[in-house]
Amino acid sequence: MTHIITDDCIACGACEPECPENAISEGEEKYLIDPELCIDCGACAEVCPVEAIFPEEEVK
């Protein structure tokens, strides 16, 4: 499983430097997580100031 960034993302960029696999990149309106690179460590979710990052299975 991977983590995903919801539409609650405010594009602050706090998550990007925390990813050990460089799986996070800036999208047009929010940051995005590449599911091929995500190792499901949760480091990004821990630093998100608006709690917009969740394990994929929690969002579906």
PDB file of N, CA and C in Angstrom:
ATOM      1  N   MET A   1       0.832  -1.196   0.000  1.00  0.00           N
ATOM      2  CA  MET A   1       0.000   0.000   0.000  1.00  0.00           C
ATOM      3  C   MET A   1       0.871   1.253   0.000  1.00  0.00           C
ATOM      4  N   THR A   2       0.292   2.305  -0.493  1.00  0.00           N
ATOM      5  CA  THR A   2       0.990   3.584  -0.505  1.00  0.00           C
ATOM      6  C   THR A   2       0.171   4.621   0.244  1.00  0.00           C
ATOM      7  N   HIS A   3       0.773   5.756   0.477  1.00  0.00           N
ATOM      8  CA  HIS A   3       0.062   6.890   1.044  1.00  0.00           C
ATOM      9  C   HIS A   3      -0.431   7.754  -0.115  1.00  0.00           C
ATOM     10  N   ILE A   4      -1.502   8.487   0.113  1.00  0.00           N
ATOM     11  CA  ILE A   4      -1.989   9.426  -0.884  1.00  0.00           C
ATOM     12  C   ILE A   4      -2.233  10.775  -0.226  1.00  0.00           C
ATOM     13  N   ILE A   5      -2.188  11.811  -1.036  1.00  0.00           N
ATOM     14  CA  ILE A   5      -2.434  13.164  -0.567  1.00  0.00           C
ATOM     15  C   ILE A   5      -3.823  13.563  -1.038  1.00  0.00           C
ATOM     16  N   THR A   6      -4.670  13.947  -0.096  1.00  0.00           N
ATOM     17  CA  THR A   6      -6.051  14.297  -0.423  1.00  0.00           C
ATOM     18  C   THR A   6      -6.153  15.738  -0.926  1.00  0.00           C
ATOM     19  N   ASP A   7      -7.357  16.119  -1.324  1.00  0.00           N
ATOM     20  CA  ASP A   7      -7.599  17.477  -1.798  1.00  0.00           C
ATOM     21  C   ASP A   7      -7.491  18.510  -0.686  1.00  0.00           C
ATOM     22  N   ASP A   8      -7.338  18.074   0.558  1.00  0.00           N
ATOM     23  CA  ASP A   8      -7.144  19.003   1.668  1.00  0.00           C
ATOM     24  C   ASP A   8      -5.746  19.614   1.664  1.00  0.00           C
ATOM     25  N   CYS A   9      -4.858  19.110   0.811  1.00  0.00           N
ATOM     26  CA  CYS A   9      -3.484  19.600   0.708  1.00  0.00           C
ATOM     27  C   CYS A   9      -3.479  21.101   0.409  1.00  0.00           C
ATOM     28  N   ILE A  10      -2.648  21.842   1.141  1.00  0.00           N
ATOM     29  CA  ILE A  10      -2.515  23.283   0.936  1.00  0.00           C
ATOM     30  C   ILE A  10      -1.233  23.625   0.168  1.00  0.00           C
ATOM     31  N   ALA A  11      -0.574  22.624  -0.374  1.00  0.00           N
ATOM     32  CA  ALA A  11       0.640  22.786  -1.184  1.00  0.00           C
ATOM     33  C   ALA A  11       1.741  23.554  -0.453  1.00  0.00           C
ATOM     34  N   CYS A  12       1.918  23.251   0.828  1.00  0.00           N
ATOM     35  CA  CYS A  12       2.946  23.939   1.618  1.00  0.00           C
ATOM     36  C   CYS A  12       4.344  23.371   1.366  1.00  0.00           C
ATOM     37  N   GLY A  13       4.406  22.113   0.923  1.00  0.00           N
ATOM     38  CA  GLY A  13       5.688  21.502   0.612  1.00  0.00           C
ATOM     39  C   GLY A  13       6.405  20.852   1.786  1.00  0.00           C
ATOM     40  N   ALA A  14       5.788  20.805   2.948  1.00  0.00           N
ATOM     41  CA  ALA A  14       6.440  20.224   4.126  1.00  0.00           C
ATOM     42  C   ALA A  14       6.754  18.744   3.935  1.00  0.00           C
ATOM     43  N   CYS A  15       5.940  18.047   3.178  1.00  0.00           N
ATOM     44  CA  CYS A  15       6.088  16.605   3.004  1.00  0.00           C
ATOM     45  C   CYS A  15       7.238  16.207   2.075  1.00  0.00           C
ATOM     46  N   GLU A  16       7.464  17.002   1.060  1.00  0.00           N
ATOM     47  CA  GLU A  16       8.429  16.622   0.015  1.00  0.00           C
ATOM     48  C   GLU A  16       9.825  16.290   0.545  1.00  0.00           C
ATOM     49  N   PRO A  17      10.440  17.127   1.370  1.00  0.00           N
ATOM     50  CA  PRO A  17      11.789  16.797   1.839  1.00  0.00           C
ATOM     51  C   PRO A  17      11.840  15.633   2.827  1.00  0.00           C
ATOM     52  N   GLU A  18      10.702  15.244   3.384  1.00  0.00           N
ATOM     53  CA  GLU A  18      10.667  14.151   4.359  1.00  0.00           C
ATOM     54  C   GLU A  18      10.676  12.773   3.716  1.00  0.00           C
ATOM     55  N   CYS A  19      10.357  12.694   2.438  1.00  0.00           N
ATOM     56  CA  CYS A  19      10.249  11.405   1.766  1.00  0.00           C
ATOM     57  C   CYS A  19      11.629  10.832   1.454  1.00  0.00           C
ATOM     58  N   PRO A  20      11.957   9.665   2.026  1.00  0.00           N
ATOM     59  CA  PRO A  20      13.275   9.076   1.789  1.00  0.00           C
ATOM     60  C   PRO A  20      13.434   8.506   0.375  1.00  0.00           C
ATOM     61  N   GLU A  21      12.346   8.350  -0.345  1.00  0.00           N
ATOM     62  CA  GLU A  21      12.391   7.771  -1.691  1.00  0.00           C
ATOM     63  C   GLU A  21      12.157   8.800  -2.789  1.00  0.00           C
ATOM     64  N   ASN A  22      12.038  10.079  -2.438  1.00  0.00           N
ATOM     65  CA  ASN A  22      11.745  11.146  -3.398  1.00  0.00           C
ATOM     66  C   ASN A  22      10.504  10.835  -4.229  1.00  0.00           C
ATOM     67  N   ALA A  23       9.481  10.309  -3.560  1.00  0.00           N
ATOM     68  CA  ALA A  23       8.245   9.928  -4.236  1.00  0.00           C
ATOM     69  C   ALA A  23       7.237  11.075  -4.310  1.00  0.00           C
ATOM     70  N   ILE A  24       7.528  12.189  -3.663  1.00  0.00           N
ATOM     71  CA  ILE A  24       6.582  13.304  -3.618  1.00  0.00           C
ATOM     72  C   ILE A  24       7.052  14.427  -4.526  1.00  0.00           C
ATOM     73  N   SER A  25       6.103  14.929  -5.318  1.00  0.00           N
ATOM     74  CA  SER A  25       6.416  16.045  -6.209  1.00  0.00           C
ATOM     75  C   SER A  25       5.261  17.037  -6.209  1.00  0.00           C
ATOM     76  N   GLU A  26       5.563  18.250  -6.626  1.00  0.00           N
ATOM     77  CA  GLU A  26       4.547  19.294  -6.660  1.00  0.00           C
ATOM     78  C   GLU A  26       3.681  19.135  -7.898  1.00  0.00           C
ATOM     79  N   GLY A  27       2.372  19.078  -7.683  1.00  0.00           N
ATOM     80  CA  GLY A  27       1.431  19.013  -8.784  1.00  0.00           C
ATOM     81  C   GLY A  27       0.892  20.397  -9.083  1.00  0.00           C
ATOM     82  N   GLU A  28      -0.131  20.474  -9.917  1.00  0.00           N
ATOM     83  CA  GLU A  28      -0.695  21.778 -10.263  1.00  0.00           C
ATOM     84  C   GLU A  28      -1.401  22.442  -9.088  1.00  0.00           C
ATOM     85  N   GLU A  29      -2.189  21.658  -8.326  1.00  0.00           N
ATOM     86  CA  GLU A  29      -2.936  22.236  -7.216  1.00  0.00           C
ATOM     87  C   GLU A  29      -2.537  21.671  -5.854  1.00  0.00           C
ATOM     88  N   LYS A  30      -1.873  20.526  -5.847  1.00  0.00           N
ATOM     89  CA  LYS A  30      -1.462  19.887  -4.602  1.00  0.00           C
ATOM     90  C   LYS A  30      -0.239  19.028  -4.876  1.00  0.00           C
ATOM     91  N   TYR A  31       0.370  18.549  -3.812  1.00  0.00           N
ATOM     92  CA  TYR A  31       1.503  17.643  -3.972  1.00  0.00           C
ATOM     93  C   TYR A  31       0.990  16.244  -4.282  1.00  0.00           C
ATOM     94  N   LEU A  32       1.807  15.456  -4.951  1.00  0.00           N
ATOM     95  CA  LEU A  32       1.424  14.121  -5.388  1.00  0.00           C
ATOM     96  C   LEU A  32       2.451  13.102  -4.922  1.00  0.00           C
ATOM     97  N   ILE A  33       1.994  11.887  -4.646  1.00  0.00           N
ATOM     98  CA  ILE A  33       2.886  10.795  -4.270  1.00  0.00           C
ATOM     99  C   ILE A  33       2.885   9.761  -5.386  1.00  0.00           C
ATOM    100  N   ASP A  34       4.068   9.426  -5.887  1.00  0.00           N
ATOM    101  CA  ASP A  34       4.215   8.405  -6.918  1.00  0.00           C
ATOM    102  C   ASP A  34       4.073   7.036  -6.248  1.00  0.00           C
ATOM    103  N   PRO A  35       3.009   6.293  -6.568  1.00  0.00           N
ATOM    104  CA  PRO A  35       2.798   5.006  -5.906  1.00  0.00           C
ATOM    105  C   PRO A  35       3.872   3.961  -6.227  1.00  0.00           C
ATOM    106  N   GLU A  36       4.586   4.147  -7.316  1.00  0.00           N
ATOM    107  CA  GLU A  36       5.660   3.224  -7.683  1.00  0.00           C
ATOM    108  C   GLU A  36       6.879   3.407  -6.775  1.00  0.00           C
ATOM    109  N   LEU A  37       7.036   4.598  -6.209  1.00  0.00           N
ATOM    110  CA  LEU A  37       8.203   4.890  -5.375  1.00  0.00           C
ATOM    111  C   LEU A  37       7.893   4.863  -3.877  1.00  0.00           C
ATOM    112  N   CYS A  38       6.643   5.074  -3.511  1.00  0.00           N
ATOM    113  CA  CYS A  38       6.255   5.143  -2.094  1.00  0.00           C
ATOM    114  C   CYS A  38       6.497   3.798  -1.398  1.00  0.00           C
ATOM    115  N   ILE A  39       7.175   3.867  -0.238  1.00  0.00           N
ATOM    116  CA  ILE A  39       7.438   2.645   0.537  1.00  0.00           C
ATOM    117  C   ILE A  39       6.544   2.571   1.774  1.00  0.00           C
ATOM    118  N   ASP A  40       5.556   3.451   1.840  1.00  0.00           N
ATOM    119  CA  ASP A  40       4.554   3.428   2.910  1.00  0.00           C
ATOM    120  C   ASP A  40       5.163   3.638   4.303  1.00  0.00           C
ATOM    121  N   CYS A  41       6.149   4.512   4.396  1.00  0.00           N
ATOM    122  CA  CYS A  41       6.801   4.738   5.685  1.00  0.00           C
ATOM    123  C   CYS A  41       6.023   5.713   6.569  1.00  0.00           C
ATOM    124  N   GLY A  42       5.229   6.598   5.967  1.00  0.00           N
ATOM    125  CA  GLY A  42       4.439   7.550   6.728  1.00  0.00           C
ATOM    126  C   GLY A  42       5.146   8.809   7.169  1.00  0.00           C
ATOM    127  N   ALA A  43       6.381   8.995   6.770  1.00  0.00           N
ATOM    128  CA  ALA A  43       7.125  10.190   7.178  1.00  0.00           C
ATOM    129  C   ALA A  43       6.429  11.467   6.708  1.00  0.00           C
ATOM    130  N   CYS A  44       5.838  11.418   5.548  1.00  0.00           N
ATOM    131  CA  CYS A  44       5.144  12.587   5.004  1.00  0.00           C
ATOM    132  C   CYS A  44       3.912  12.936   5.834  1.00  0.00           C
ATOM    133  N   ALA A  45       3.145  11.924   6.210  1.00  0.00           N
ATOM    134  CA  ALA A  45       1.927  12.140   6.980  1.00  0.00           C
ATOM    135  C   ALA A  45       2.232  12.754   8.344  1.00  0.00           C
ATOM    136  N   GLU A  46       3.358  12.393   8.916  1.00  0.00           N
ATOM    137  CA  GLU A  46       3.737  12.901  10.235  1.00  0.00           C
ATOM    138  C   GLU A  46       3.986  14.402  10.244  1.00  0.00           C
ATOM    139  N   VAL A  47       4.423  14.969   9.116  1.00  0.00           N
ATOM    140  CA  VAL A  47       4.745  16.396   9.079  1.00  0.00           C
ATOM    141  C   VAL A  47       3.673  17.256   8.421  1.00  0.00           C
ATOM    142  N   CYS A  48       2.638  16.651   7.876  1.00  0.00           N
ATOM    143  CA  CYS A  48       1.592  17.410   7.187  1.00  0.00           C
ATOM    144  C   CYS A  48       0.819  18.272   8.187  1.00  0.00           C
ATOM    145  N   PRO A  49       0.844  19.601   8.018  1.00  0.00           N
ATOM    146  CA  PRO A  49       0.188  20.484   8.981  1.00  0.00           C
ATOM    147  C   PRO A  49      -1.339  20.462   8.916  1.00  0.00           C
ATOM    148  N   VAL A  50      -1.899  19.960   7.818  1.00  0.00           N
ATOM    149  CA  VAL A  50      -3.364  19.924   7.681  1.00  0.00           C
ATOM    150  C   VAL A  50      -3.905  18.506   7.630  1.00  0.00           C
ATOM    151  N   GLU A  51      -3.069  17.531   7.949  1.00  0.00           N
ATOM    152  CA  GLU A  51      -3.450  16.120   7.975  1.00  0.00           C
ATOM    153  C   GLU A  51      -4.145  15.697   6.680  1.00  0.00           C
ATOM    154  N   ALA A  52      -3.473  15.940   5.558  1.00  0.00           N
ATOM    155  CA  ALA A  52      -4.025  15.626   4.235  1.00  0.00           C
ATOM    156  C   ALA A  52      -3.419  14.370   3.625  1.00  0.00           C
ATOM    157  N   ILE A  53      -2.594  13.632   4.383  1.00  0.00           N
ATOM    158  CA  ILE A  53      -1.928  12.448   3.840  1.00  0.00           C
ATOM    159  C   ILE A  53      -2.332  11.224   4.650  1.00  0.00           C
ATOM    160  N   PHE A  54      -2.811  10.200   3.939  1.00  0.00           N
ATOM    161  CA  PHE A  54      -3.312   8.989   4.573  1.00  0.00           C
ATOM    162  C   PHE A  54      -2.866   7.745   3.830  1.00  0.00           C
ATOM    163  N   PRO A  55      -2.823   6.601   4.515  1.00  0.00           N
ATOM    164  CA  PRO A  55      -2.622   5.353   3.793  1.00  0.00           C
ATOM    165  C   PRO A  55      -3.783   5.168   2.803  1.00  0.00           C
ATOM    166  N   GLU A  56      -3.482   4.679   1.644  1.00  0.00           N
ATOM    167  CA  GLU A  56      -4.473   4.553   0.577  1.00  0.00           C
ATOM    168  C   GLU A  56      -5.731   3.830   1.015  1.00  0.00           C
ATOM    169  N   GLU A  57      -5.596   2.778   1.798  1.00  0.00           N
ATOM    170  CA  GLU A  57      -6.760   1.990   2.197  1.00  0.00           C
ATOM    171  C   GLU A  57      -7.712   2.760   3.114  1.00  0.00           C
ATOM    172  N   GLU A  58      -7.247   3.818   3.761  1.00  0.00           N
ATOM    173  CA  GLU A  58      -8.110   4.619   4.627  1.00  0.00           C
ATOM    174  C   GLU A  58      -8.963   5.614   3.863  1.00  0.00           C
ATOM    175  N   VAL A  59      -8.589   5.903   2.628  1.00  0.00           N
ATOM    176  CA  VAL A  59      -9.277   6.931   1.852  1.00  0.00           C
ATOM    177  C   VAL A  59     -10.352   6.338   0.953  1.00  0.00           C
ATOM    178  N   LYS A  60     -10.196   5.114   0.553  1.00  0.00           N
ATOM    179  CA  LYS A  60     -11.142   4.506  -0.392  1.00  0.00           C
ATOM    180  C   LYS A  60     -12.489   4.264   0.184  1.00  0.00           C
TER     181      LYS A  60
END
